[in-house]
């Protein structure tokens, strides 16, 4: 029994050990630079809803891509590979492969200004 005492002490301390909590996610301070109203129109114009479910956009409600409901609240985009902020969102819309070469999102040939406006709209979806 005396040989087991060190083992019991070790287990008691190990079981009572608490893990250090993970640091909180960084707070995004970057504000979208585009025009959200125009971005909403562009989402419909480019047919983004053919592949994605997008609140407030009439027409098809696709399921090939992820739902964009609440996309502004997600910490990561592009299959969980890229920090979600307005700059990255616009860059991904403009050229998905630039941030994730394995992305299934096709290149839509969206000009930079339109991508910024679309990103601004998507950042209203919390």
C-alpha atoms as a PDB file:
ATOM      1  CA  UNK A   1       0.000   0.000   0.000  1.00  0.00           C
ATOM      2  CA  UNK A   2       2.920   2.332   0.724  1.00  0.00           C
ATOM      3  CA  UNK A   3       4.081   1.902  -2.866  1.00  0.00           C
ATOM      4  CA  UNK A   4       0.707   3.103  -4.128  1.00  0.00           C
ATOM      5  CA  UNK A   5       0.698   6.277  -2.027  1.00  0.00           C
ATOM      6  CA  UNK A   6       2.880   8.281  -4.486  1.00  0.00           C
ATOM      7  CA  UNK A   7       0.639   7.137  -7.335  1.00  0.00           C
ATOM      8  CA  UNK A   8      -2.487   8.284  -5.480  1.00  0.00           C
ATOM      9  CA  UNK A   9      -0.879  11.645  -4.709  1.00  0.00           C
ATOM     10  CA  UNK A  10       0.087  12.090  -8.345  1.00  0.00           C
ATOM     11  CA  UNK A  11      -3.427  11.214  -9.533  1.00  0.00           C
ATOM     12  CA  UNK A  12      -5.008  13.497  -6.941  1.00  0.00           C
ATOM     13  CA  UNK A  13      -2.938  16.445  -8.111  1.00  0.00           C
ATOM     14  CA  UNK A  14      -3.360  15.598 -11.784  1.00  0.00           C
ATOM     15  CA  UNK A  15      -7.132  15.278 -11.484  1.00  0.00           C
ATOM     16  CA  UNK A  16      -7.424  18.515  -9.529  1.00  0.00           C
ATOM     17  CA  UNK A  17      -5.334  20.403 -12.064  1.00  0.00           C
ATOM     18  CA  UNK A  18      -7.191  23.073 -13.996  1.00  0.00           C
ATOM     19  CA  UNK A  19      -6.376  23.960 -17.571  1.00  0.00           C
ATOM     20  CA  UNK A  20      -5.453  27.496 -18.401  1.00  0.00           C
ATOM     21  CA  UNK A  21      -8.383  28.965 -20.347  1.00  0.00           C
ATOM     22  CA  UNK A  22      -7.750  29.855 -23.962  1.00  0.00           C
ATOM     23  CA  UNK A  23      -7.295  33.564 -24.578  1.00  0.00           C
ATOM     24  CA  UNK A  24     -10.410  35.302 -25.877  1.00  0.00           C
ATOM     25  CA  UNK A  25     -10.789  35.674 -29.611  1.00  0.00           C
ATOM     26  CA  UNK A  26      -9.411  38.961 -30.880  1.00  0.00           C
ATOM     27  CA  UNK A  27     -11.947  41.735 -31.231  1.00  0.00           C
ATOM     28  CA  UNK A  28     -12.298  42.854 -34.804  1.00  0.00           C
ATOM     29  CA  UNK A  29     -11.828  46.569 -35.037  1.00  0.00           C
ATOM     30  CA  UNK A  30     -11.705  46.863 -38.806  1.00  0.00           C
ATOM     31  CA  UNK A  31     -14.872  48.409 -40.191  1.00  0.00           C
ATOM     32  CA  UNK A  32     -16.086  47.535 -43.675  1.00  0.00           C
ATOM     33  CA  UNK A  33     -15.175  50.223 -46.191  1.00  0.00           C
ATOM     34  CA  UNK A  34     -17.800  49.370 -48.793  1.00  0.00           C
ATOM     35  CA  UNK A  35     -21.418  50.372 -49.264  1.00  0.00           C
ATOM     36  CA  UNK A  36     -23.620  47.707 -47.637  1.00  0.00           C
ATOM     37  CA  UNK A  37     -26.794  48.795 -49.477  1.00  0.00           C
ATOM     38  CA  UNK A  38     -25.065  48.449 -52.831  1.00  0.00           C
ATOM     39  CA  UNK A  39     -23.478  45.207 -51.638  1.00  0.00           C
ATOM     40  CA  UNK A  40     -26.910  43.716 -51.001  1.00  0.00           C
ATOM     41  CA  UNK A  41     -27.910  44.570 -54.580  1.00  0.00           C
ATOM     42  CA  UNK A  42     -24.674  43.099 -55.918  1.00  0.00           C
ATOM     43  CA  UNK A  43     -25.195  39.831 -54.025  1.00  0.00           C
ATOM     44  CA  UNK A  44     -28.430  39.378 -55.976  1.00  0.00           C
ATOM     45  CA  UNK A  45     -26.864  40.631 -59.237  1.00  0.00           C
ATOM     46  CA  UNK A  46     -23.924  38.195 -59.041  1.00  0.00           C
ATOM     47  CA  UNK A  47     -26.283  35.369 -58.070  1.00  0.00           C
ATOM     48  CA  UNK A  48     -24.468  34.534 -54.829  1.00  0.00           C
ATOM     49  CA  UNK A  49     -27.725  33.031 -53.543  1.00  0.00           C
ATOM     50  CA  UNK A  50     -27.538  30.306 -56.200  1.00  0.00           C
ATOM     51  CA  UNK A  51     -24.852  28.615 -54.070  1.00  0.00           C
ATOM     52  CA  UNK A  52     -25.427  30.191 -50.636  1.00  0.00           C
ATOM     53  CA  UNK A  53     -28.373  30.791 -48.344  1.00  0.00           C
ATOM     54  CA  UNK A  54     -28.341  34.537 -47.781  1.00  0.00           C
ATOM     55  CA  UNK A  55     -30.930  36.230 -45.566  1.00  0.00           C
ATOM     56  CA  UNK A  56     -32.978  38.998 -47.171  1.00  0.00           C
ATOM     57  CA  UNK A  57     -32.039  37.985 -50.726  1.00  0.00           C
ATOM     58  CA  UNK A  58     -35.007  36.719 -52.758  1.00  0.00           C
ATOM     59  CA  UNK A  59     -34.701  33.931 -55.280  1.00  0.00           C
ATOM     60  CA  UNK A  60     -32.878  30.621 -55.118  1.00  0.00           C
ATOM     61  CA  UNK A  61     -31.494  29.479 -51.802  1.00  0.00           C
ATOM     62  CA  UNK A  62     -28.503  27.353 -52.702  1.00  0.00           C
ATOM     63  CA  UNK A  63     -26.774  24.766 -50.592  1.00  0.00           C
ATOM     64  CA  UNK A  64     -23.533  24.177 -52.516  1.00  0.00           C
ATOM     65  CA  UNK A  65     -21.715  26.731 -50.378  1.00  0.00           C
ATOM     66  CA  UNK A  66     -22.172  27.437 -46.688  1.00  0.00           C
ATOM     67  CA  UNK A  67     -25.091  29.488 -45.447  1.00  0.00           C
ATOM     68  CA  UNK A  68     -24.057  33.105 -45.026  1.00  0.00           C
ATOM     69  CA  UNK A  69     -26.585  33.743 -42.252  1.00  0.00           C
ATOM     70  CA  UNK A  70     -24.562  35.096 -39.335  1.00  0.00           C
ATOM     71  CA  UNK A  71     -21.336  35.190 -41.356  1.00  0.00           C
ATOM     72  CA  UNK A  72     -20.236  38.435 -39.677  1.00  0.00           C
ATOM     73  CA  UNK A  73     -20.112  36.651 -36.314  1.00  0.00           C
ATOM     74  CA  UNK A  74     -17.842  33.833 -37.457  1.00  0.00           C
ATOM     75  CA  UNK A  75     -14.192  34.014 -36.436  1.00  0.00           C
ATOM     76  CA  UNK A  76     -12.976  32.325 -39.638  1.00  0.00           C
ATOM     77  CA  UNK A  77     -13.971  32.136 -43.298  1.00  0.00           C
ATOM     78  CA  UNK A  78     -12.907  30.067 -46.295  1.00  0.00           C
ATOM     79  CA  UNK A  79     -13.409  26.682 -44.715  1.00  0.00           C
ATOM     80  CA  UNK A  80     -11.984  27.805 -41.384  1.00  0.00           C
ATOM     81  CA  UNK A  81      -8.645  28.837 -42.861  1.00  0.00           C
ATOM     82  CA  UNK A  82      -8.720  32.643 -42.810  1.00  0.00           C
ATOM     83  CA  UNK A  83      -9.510  35.266 -40.151  1.00  0.00           C
ATOM     84  CA  UNK A  84     -12.894  36.813 -40.795  1.00  0.00           C
ATOM     85  CA  UNK A  85     -12.510  40.552 -41.305  1.00  0.00           C
ATOM     86  CA  UNK A  86     -13.775  42.897 -44.027  1.00  0.00           C
ATOM     87  CA  UNK A  87     -10.467  42.961 -45.922  1.00  0.00           C
ATOM     88  CA  UNK A  88     -10.147  39.183 -46.049  1.00  0.00           C
ATOM     89  CA  UNK A  89     -13.814  38.803 -46.922  1.00  0.00           C
ATOM     90  CA  UNK A  90     -13.485  41.218 -49.859  1.00  0.00           C
ATOM     91  CA  UNK A  91     -10.273  39.555 -51.006  1.00  0.00           C
ATOM     92  CA  UNK A  92     -11.926  36.138 -50.848  1.00  0.00           C
ATOM     93  CA  UNK A  93     -14.938  37.352 -52.843  1.00  0.00           C
ATOM     94  CA  UNK A  94     -12.636  38.912 -55.431  1.00  0.00           C
ATOM     95  CA  UNK A  95     -10.342  35.875 -55.757  1.00  0.00           C
ATOM     96  CA  UNK A  96     -11.157  32.859 -53.530  1.00  0.00           C
ATOM     97  CA  UNK A  97      -8.001  30.945 -54.481  1.00  0.00           C
ATOM     98  CA  UNK A  98      -5.810  33.812 -53.241  1.00  0.00           C
ATOM     99  CA  UNK A  99      -6.708  32.909 -49.647  1.00  0.00           C
ATOM    100  CA  UNK A 100      -7.531  29.225 -50.036  1.00  0.00           C
ATOM    101  CA  UNK A 101      -6.284  27.388 -53.125  1.00  0.00           C
ATOM    102  CA  UNK A 102      -8.514  24.420 -52.201  1.00  0.00           C
ATOM    103  CA  UNK A 103     -11.677  26.543 -52.043  1.00  0.00           C
ATOM    104  CA  UNK A 104     -14.603  25.181 -54.007  1.00  0.00           C
ATOM    105  CA  UNK A 105     -15.847  28.732 -54.643  1.00  0.00           C
ATOM    106  CA  UNK A 106     -15.271  29.511 -58.307  1.00  0.00           C
ATOM    107  CA  UNK A 107     -13.601  32.735 -59.427  1.00  0.00           C
ATOM    108  CA  UNK A 108     -16.498  35.098 -60.042  1.00  0.00           C
ATOM    109  CA  UNK A 109     -14.428  37.927 -61.572  1.00  0.00           C
ATOM    110  CA  UNK A 110     -15.805  40.383 -59.017  1.00  0.00           C
ATOM    111  CA  UNK A 111     -14.003  43.750 -59.212  1.00  0.00           C
ATOM    112  CA  UNK A 112     -12.378  45.010 -55.999  1.00  0.00           C
ATOM    113  CA  UNK A 113     -14.945  47.779 -55.436  1.00  0.00           C
ATOM    114  CA  UNK A 114     -17.865  45.383 -55.807  1.00  0.00           C
ATOM    115  CA  UNK A 115     -16.144  42.886 -53.482  1.00  0.00           C
ATOM    116  CA  UNK A 116     -15.784  45.590 -50.818  1.00  0.00           C
ATOM    117  CA  UNK A 117     -19.469  46.463 -51.110  1.00  0.00           C
ATOM    118  CA  UNK A 118     -20.495  42.793 -50.898  1.00  0.00           C
ATOM    119  CA  UNK A 119     -18.246  42.318 -47.860  1.00  0.00           C
ATOM    120  CA  UNK A 120     -19.828  45.387 -46.239  1.00  0.00           C
ATOM    121  CA  UNK A 121     -23.267  43.846 -46.750  1.00  0.00           C
ATOM    122  CA  UNK A 122     -22.166  40.442 -45.439  1.00  0.00           C
ATOM    123  CA  UNK A 123     -20.835  42.158 -42.308  1.00  0.00           C
ATOM    124  CA  UNK A 124     -24.390  43.290 -41.555  1.00  0.00           C
ATOM    125  CA  UNK A 125     -25.372  39.598 -41.201  1.00  0.00           C
ATOM    126  CA  UNK A 126     -24.656  38.996 -37.531  1.00  0.00           C
END
